[in-house]
Amino acid sequence: MINITKLASQKLILEKKKNKLYEDYNLRISVQGGGCSGLKYEIKFDLLKNEEDEIFEDKGIKIIIDKKSLLYLIGTTLDFSDGLNGKGFFFNNPNASKTCGCGDSFSF
């Protein structure tokens, strides 16, 4: 399961409204090969749910994760920062053995 902080949830709801996305759009989180450390996170809003997807809900946000990505993401928290050191969504993943300086990629 993935957790979303209150601030990240608020920012996701605002992003959906800003982009005029319907209630049927859910947050899709996946892990792809690439990035400085070998694996990178991908987040987007998606209408589709595949047979192999798992669906969770936290703080009013429905999250879709494919089964392969779920192995890397169990226990992860999605947060948002608007501080001086960077603005945007970031992941706090207890499963990551190494993360890159930008925080967009990790290794397992």
N, C-alpha and C. Protein backbone atom coordinates (compact mmCIF):
# COMPACT_ATOMS: atom_id res chain seq x y z
N MET A 1 0.83 -1.18 0.00
CA MET A 1 0.00 0.00 0.00
C MET A 1 0.87 1.24 0.00
N ILE A 2 0.34 2.29 -0.58
CA ILE A 2 1.01 3.59 -0.64
C ILE A 2 0.22 4.59 0.19
N ASN A 3 0.92 5.45 0.89
CA ASN A 3 0.28 6.50 1.67
C ASN A 3 0.52 7.84 0.99
N ILE A 4 -0.41 8.74 1.17
CA ILE A 4 -0.29 10.09 0.64
C ILE A 4 -0.42 11.07 1.80
N THR A 5 0.48 12.01 1.89
CA THR A 5 0.37 13.01 2.94
C THR A 5 -0.80 13.94 2.65
N LYS A 6 -1.23 14.65 3.67
CA LYS A 6 -2.35 15.58 3.50
C LYS A 6 -2.02 16.66 2.47
N LEU A 7 -0.80 17.19 2.53
CA LEU A 7 -0.40 18.23 1.58
C LEU A 7 -0.37 17.69 0.15
N ALA A 8 0.17 16.50 -0.05
CA ALA A 8 0.20 15.89 -1.39
C ALA A 8 -1.22 15.66 -1.90
N SER A 9 -2.10 15.21 -1.03
CA SER A 9 -3.48 14.98 -1.41
C SER A 9 -4.14 16.29 -1.88
N GLN A 10 -3.93 17.35 -1.12
CA GLN A 10 -4.49 18.65 -1.49
C GLN A 10 -3.95 19.11 -2.85
N LYS A 11 -2.65 18.94 -3.08
CA LYS A 11 -2.04 19.36 -4.34
C LYS A 11 -2.55 18.51 -5.51
N LEU A 12 -2.77 17.22 -5.29
CA LEU A 12 -3.30 16.35 -6.34
C LEU A 12 -4.73 16.76 -6.71
N ILE A 13 -5.54 17.08 -5.72
CA ILE A 13 -6.91 17.51 -5.98
C ILE A 13 -6.91 18.83 -6.77
N LEU A 14 -6.05 19.75 -6.39
CA LEU A 14 -5.93 21.02 -7.12
C LEU A 14 -5.45 20.79 -8.55
N GLU A 15 -4.52 19.87 -8.74
CA GLU A 15 -4.00 19.56 -10.08
C GLU A 15 -5.09 18.98 -10.97
N LYS A 16 -5.93 18.11 -10.41
CA LYS A 16 -7.05 17.56 -11.18
C LYS A 16 -8.01 18.67 -11.61
N LYS A 17 -8.32 19.56 -10.69
CA LYS A 17 -9.24 20.66 -11.02
C LYS A 17 -8.62 21.59 -12.06
N LYS A 18 -7.35 21.90 -11.88
CA LYS A 18 -6.65 22.79 -12.81
C LYS A 18 -6.65 22.24 -14.23
N ASN A 19 -6.50 20.94 -14.35
CA ASN A 19 -6.47 20.29 -15.67
C ASN A 19 -7.84 19.80 -16.12
N LYS A 20 -8.88 20.17 -15.36
CA LYS A 20 -10.28 19.82 -15.69
C LYS A 20 -10.46 18.31 -15.91
N LEU A 21 -9.91 17.54 -14.98
CA LEU A 21 -10.02 16.09 -15.05
C LEU A 21 -11.23 15.64 -14.24
N TYR A 22 -11.96 14.70 -14.77
CA TYR A 22 -13.17 14.18 -14.13
C TYR A 22 -12.83 13.37 -12.90
N GLU A 23 -13.86 13.09 -12.12
CA GLU A 23 -13.71 12.23 -10.93
C GLU A 23 -13.19 10.85 -11.30
N ASP A 24 -13.48 10.38 -12.52
CA ASP A 24 -13.07 9.05 -12.94
C ASP A 24 -11.56 8.91 -13.11
N TYR A 25 -10.84 10.03 -13.17
CA TYR A 25 -9.39 9.97 -13.29
C TYR A 25 -8.80 9.61 -11.93
N ASN A 26 -7.91 8.65 -11.94
CA ASN A 26 -7.23 8.21 -10.73
C ASN A 26 -5.73 8.44 -10.88
N LEU A 27 -5.04 8.42 -9.78
CA LEU A 27 -3.59 8.60 -9.79
C LEU A 27 -2.93 7.27 -10.09
N ARG A 28 -2.14 7.22 -11.15
CA ARG A 28 -1.38 6.01 -11.48
C ARG A 28 0.08 6.25 -11.08
N ILE A 29 0.60 5.35 -10.25
CA ILE A 29 2.00 5.40 -9.84
C ILE A 29 2.66 4.13 -10.35
N SER A 30 3.81 4.30 -10.99
CA SER A 30 4.53 3.12 -11.48
C SER A 30 6.03 3.32 -11.31
N VAL A 31 6.75 2.23 -11.46
CA VAL A 31 8.21 2.23 -11.43
C VAL A 31 8.69 1.76 -12.79
N GLN A 32 9.57 2.53 -13.39
CA GLN A 32 10.12 2.21 -14.71
C GLN A 32 11.64 2.11 -14.60
N GLY A 33 12.25 1.40 -15.52
CA GLY A 33 13.70 1.36 -15.59
C GLY A 33 14.22 2.70 -16.08
N GLY A 34 15.35 3.14 -15.52
CA GLY A 34 15.96 4.39 -15.96
C GLY A 34 16.37 5.25 -14.80
N GLY A 35 16.77 6.47 -15.10
CA GLY A 35 17.21 7.40 -14.07
C GLY A 35 18.64 7.11 -13.64
N CYS A 36 19.18 7.96 -12.80
CA CYS A 36 20.57 7.86 -12.34
C CYS A 36 20.84 6.57 -11.56
N SER A 37 19.84 6.10 -10.81
CA SER A 37 20.04 4.96 -9.92
C SER A 37 19.47 3.66 -10.45
N GLY A 38 18.86 3.68 -11.64
CA GLY A 38 18.37 2.44 -12.23
C GLY A 38 16.87 2.30 -12.34
N LEU A 39 16.14 2.89 -11.40
CA LEU A 39 14.67 2.85 -11.42
C LEU A 39 14.15 4.25 -11.19
N LYS A 40 13.03 4.58 -11.82
CA LYS A 40 12.45 5.90 -11.62
C LYS A 40 10.95 5.80 -11.41
N TYR A 41 10.43 6.77 -10.69
CA TYR A 41 9.00 6.85 -10.41
C TYR A 41 8.30 7.55 -11.56
N GLU A 42 7.07 7.14 -11.79
CA GLU A 42 6.23 7.84 -12.75
C GLU A 42 4.85 8.02 -12.13
N ILE A 43 4.34 9.24 -12.16
CA ILE A 43 2.99 9.49 -11.66
C ILE A 43 2.23 10.27 -12.74
N LYS A 44 0.97 9.90 -12.89
CA LYS A 44 0.10 10.59 -13.84
C LYS A 44 -1.34 10.26 -13.48
N PHE A 45 -2.26 11.02 -14.03
CA PHE A 45 -3.67 10.72 -13.87
C PHE A 45 -4.09 9.83 -15.03
N ASP A 46 -4.93 8.83 -14.74
CA ASP A 46 -5.28 7.83 -15.73
C ASP A 46 -6.74 7.41 -15.55
N LEU A 47 -7.41 7.19 -16.65
CA LEU A 47 -8.79 6.68 -16.63
C LEU A 47 -8.84 5.16 -16.62
N LEU A 48 -7.82 4.55 -17.20
CA LEU A 48 -7.84 3.11 -17.42
C LEU A 48 -7.35 2.33 -16.22
N LYS A 49 -7.96 1.18 -16.04
CA LYS A 49 -7.48 0.21 -15.05
C LYS A 49 -7.31 -1.11 -15.77
N ASN A 50 -6.12 -1.66 -15.68
CA ASN A 50 -5.83 -2.95 -16.30
C ASN A 50 -6.12 -4.08 -15.32
N GLU A 51 -6.25 -5.27 -15.86
CA GLU A 51 -6.56 -6.43 -15.03
C GLU A 51 -5.51 -6.69 -13.95
N GLU A 52 -4.25 -6.39 -14.24
CA GLU A 52 -3.17 -6.67 -13.29
C GLU A 52 -2.93 -5.53 -12.31
N ASP A 53 -3.75 -4.48 -12.35
CA ASP A 53 -3.58 -3.34 -11.46
C ASP A 53 -4.21 -3.58 -10.10
N GLU A 54 -3.62 -2.97 -9.10
CA GLU A 54 -4.18 -2.93 -7.75
C GLU A 54 -4.67 -1.50 -7.52
N ILE A 55 -5.77 -1.34 -6.80
CA ILE A 55 -6.29 -0.02 -6.50
C ILE A 55 -6.35 0.17 -4.98
N PHE A 56 -5.81 1.31 -4.54
CA PHE A 56 -5.83 1.70 -3.13
C PHE A 56 -6.47 3.07 -3.05
N GLU A 57 -6.85 3.46 -1.86
CA GLU A 57 -7.35 4.82 -1.66
C GLU A 57 -6.80 5.36 -0.36
N ASP A 58 -6.31 6.58 -0.42
CA ASP A 58 -5.81 7.25 0.78
C ASP A 58 -6.14 8.73 0.68
N LYS A 59 -6.73 9.26 1.71
CA LYS A 59 -7.11 10.67 1.80
C LYS A 59 -7.90 11.15 0.58
N GLY A 60 -8.81 10.30 0.12
CA GLY A 60 -9.68 10.67 -0.98
C GLY A 60 -9.08 10.53 -2.37
N ILE A 61 -7.88 10.02 -2.46
CA ILE A 61 -7.21 9.83 -3.75
C ILE A 61 -7.17 8.34 -4.06
N LYS A 62 -7.74 7.95 -5.20
CA LYS A 62 -7.62 6.55 -5.65
C LYS A 62 -6.31 6.40 -6.39
N ILE A 63 -5.56 5.37 -6.01
CA ILE A 63 -4.23 5.13 -6.56
C ILE A 63 -4.23 3.79 -7.29
N ILE A 64 -3.76 3.80 -8.53
CA ILE A 64 -3.65 2.59 -9.34
C ILE A 64 -2.17 2.25 -9.45
N ILE A 65 -1.84 0.99 -9.16
CA ILE A 65 -0.45 0.53 -9.27
C ILE A 65 -0.45 -0.84 -9.91
N ASP A 66 0.41 -1.02 -10.93
CA ASP A 66 0.53 -2.34 -11.52
C ASP A 66 1.28 -3.25 -10.54
N LYS A 67 1.04 -4.55 -10.64
CA LYS A 67 1.59 -5.50 -9.67
C LYS A 67 3.12 -5.49 -9.62
N LYS A 68 3.76 -5.30 -10.76
CA LYS A 68 5.23 -5.28 -10.79
C LYS A 68 5.76 -4.08 -9.99
N SER A 69 5.16 -2.92 -10.21
CA SER A 69 5.60 -1.71 -9.50
C SER A 69 5.30 -1.80 -8.01
N LEU A 70 4.21 -2.46 -7.66
CA LEU A 70 3.80 -2.56 -6.26
C LEU A 70 4.89 -3.19 -5.40
N LEU A 71 5.64 -4.13 -5.97
CA LEU A 71 6.73 -4.77 -5.22
C LEU A 71 7.76 -3.75 -4.74
N TYR A 72 7.99 -2.71 -5.54
CA TYR A 72 8.96 -1.68 -5.19
C TYR A 72 8.37 -0.59 -4.30
N LEU A 73 7.05 -0.48 -4.26
CA LEU A 73 6.40 0.67 -3.64
C LEU A 73 5.71 0.40 -2.31
N ILE A 74 5.66 -0.83 -1.86
CA ILE A 74 4.97 -1.13 -0.61
C ILE A 74 5.56 -0.31 0.53
N GLY A 75 4.70 0.40 1.24
CA GLY A 75 5.13 1.20 2.38
C GLY A 75 5.61 2.60 2.02
N THR A 76 5.55 2.96 0.75
CA THR A 76 6.03 4.25 0.29
C THR A 76 5.02 5.35 0.60
N THR A 77 5.52 6.55 0.86
CA THR A 77 4.67 7.71 1.08
C THR A 77 4.94 8.73 -0.02
N LEU A 78 3.86 9.22 -0.63
CA LEU A 78 3.95 10.30 -1.61
C LEU A 78 3.71 11.60 -0.87
N ASP A 79 4.66 12.53 -1.01
CA ASP A 79 4.59 13.80 -0.31
C ASP A 79 4.76 14.94 -1.31
N PHE A 80 4.61 16.15 -0.84
CA PHE A 80 4.79 17.34 -1.69
C PHE A 80 5.61 18.35 -0.92
N SER A 81 6.53 19.01 -1.62
CA SER A 81 7.34 20.05 -1.01
C SER A 81 7.21 21.31 -1.84
N ASP A 82 7.08 22.43 -1.18
CA ASP A 82 7.11 23.70 -1.89
C ASP A 82 8.15 24.62 -1.27
N GLY A 83 9.19 24.00 -0.74
CA GLY A 83 10.26 24.74 -0.08
C GLY A 83 11.31 25.25 -1.05
N LEU A 84 12.32 25.87 -0.51
CA LEU A 84 13.40 26.47 -1.30
C LEU A 84 14.27 25.42 -1.99
N ASN A 85 14.35 24.23 -1.43
CA ASN A 85 15.20 23.18 -2.00
C ASN A 85 14.54 22.40 -3.11
N GLY A 86 13.38 22.78 -3.51
CA GLY A 86 12.70 22.07 -4.58
C GLY A 86 11.20 22.06 -4.36
N LYS A 87 10.49 22.10 -5.46
CA LYS A 87 9.04 22.11 -5.39
C LYS A 87 8.52 20.95 -6.20
N GLY A 88 7.59 20.21 -5.63
CA GLY A 88 6.97 19.13 -6.36
C GLY A 88 6.72 17.92 -5.50
N PHE A 89 6.23 16.88 -6.15
CA PHE A 89 5.95 15.62 -5.47
C PHE A 89 7.24 14.83 -5.31
N PHE A 90 7.35 14.12 -4.20
CA PHE A 90 8.50 13.24 -4.00
C PHE A 90 8.06 12.02 -3.21
N PHE A 91 8.84 10.97 -3.32
CA PHE A 91 8.53 9.69 -2.68
C PHE A 91 9.47 9.43 -1.53
N ASN A 92 8.93 8.96 -0.43
CA ASN A 92 9.72 8.48 0.70
C ASN A 92 9.54 6.96 0.69
N ASN A 93 10.51 6.26 0.12
CA ASN A 93 10.41 4.82 -0.11
C ASN A 93 11.36 4.07 0.82
N PRO A 94 10.82 3.36 1.82
CA PRO A 94 11.68 2.62 2.75
C PRO A 94 12.38 1.43 2.10
N ASN A 95 11.95 1.02 0.90
CA ASN A 95 12.54 -0.11 0.21
C ASN A 95 13.76 0.27 -0.62
N ALA A 96 13.95 1.55 -0.88
CA ALA A 96 15.04 2.01 -1.73
C ALA A 96 16.36 1.90 -0.98
N SER A 97 17.32 1.23 -1.58
CA SER A 97 18.63 1.11 -0.95
C SER A 97 19.51 2.30 -1.28
N LYS A 98 19.20 3.01 -2.38
CA LYS A 98 19.98 4.17 -2.80
C LYS A 98 19.07 5.08 -3.62
N THR A 99 19.17 6.38 -3.42
CA THR A 99 18.42 7.35 -4.22
C THR A 99 19.40 8.35 -4.82
N CYS A 100 19.02 8.92 -5.94
CA CYS A 100 19.88 9.92 -6.57
C CYS A 100 19.66 11.28 -5.91
N GLY A 101 20.49 12.23 -6.20
CA GLY A 101 20.41 13.55 -5.61
C GLY A 101 19.12 14.28 -5.93
N CYS A 102 18.58 14.05 -7.13
CA CYS A 102 17.34 14.75 -7.52
C CYS A 102 16.11 14.10 -6.90
N GLY A 103 16.23 12.87 -6.41
CA GLY A 103 15.11 12.19 -5.76
C GLY A 103 14.14 11.53 -6.73
N ASP A 104 14.44 11.58 -8.03
CA ASP A 104 13.55 11.00 -9.02
C ASP A 104 13.84 9.53 -9.31
N SER A 105 14.99 9.06 -8.90
CA SER A 105 15.30 7.65 -9.18
C SER A 105 15.89 6.99 -7.95
N PHE A 106 15.87 5.65 -7.97
CA PHE A 106 16.33 4.89 -6.83
C PHE A 106 16.79 3.52 -7.29
N SER A 107 17.44 2.81 -6.38
CA SER A 107 17.77 1.40 -6.65
C SER A 107 17.19 0.58 -5.50
N PHE A 108 17.03 -0.67 -5.76
CA PHE A 108 16.34 -1.57 -4.85
C PHE A 108 17.33 -2.53 -4.24
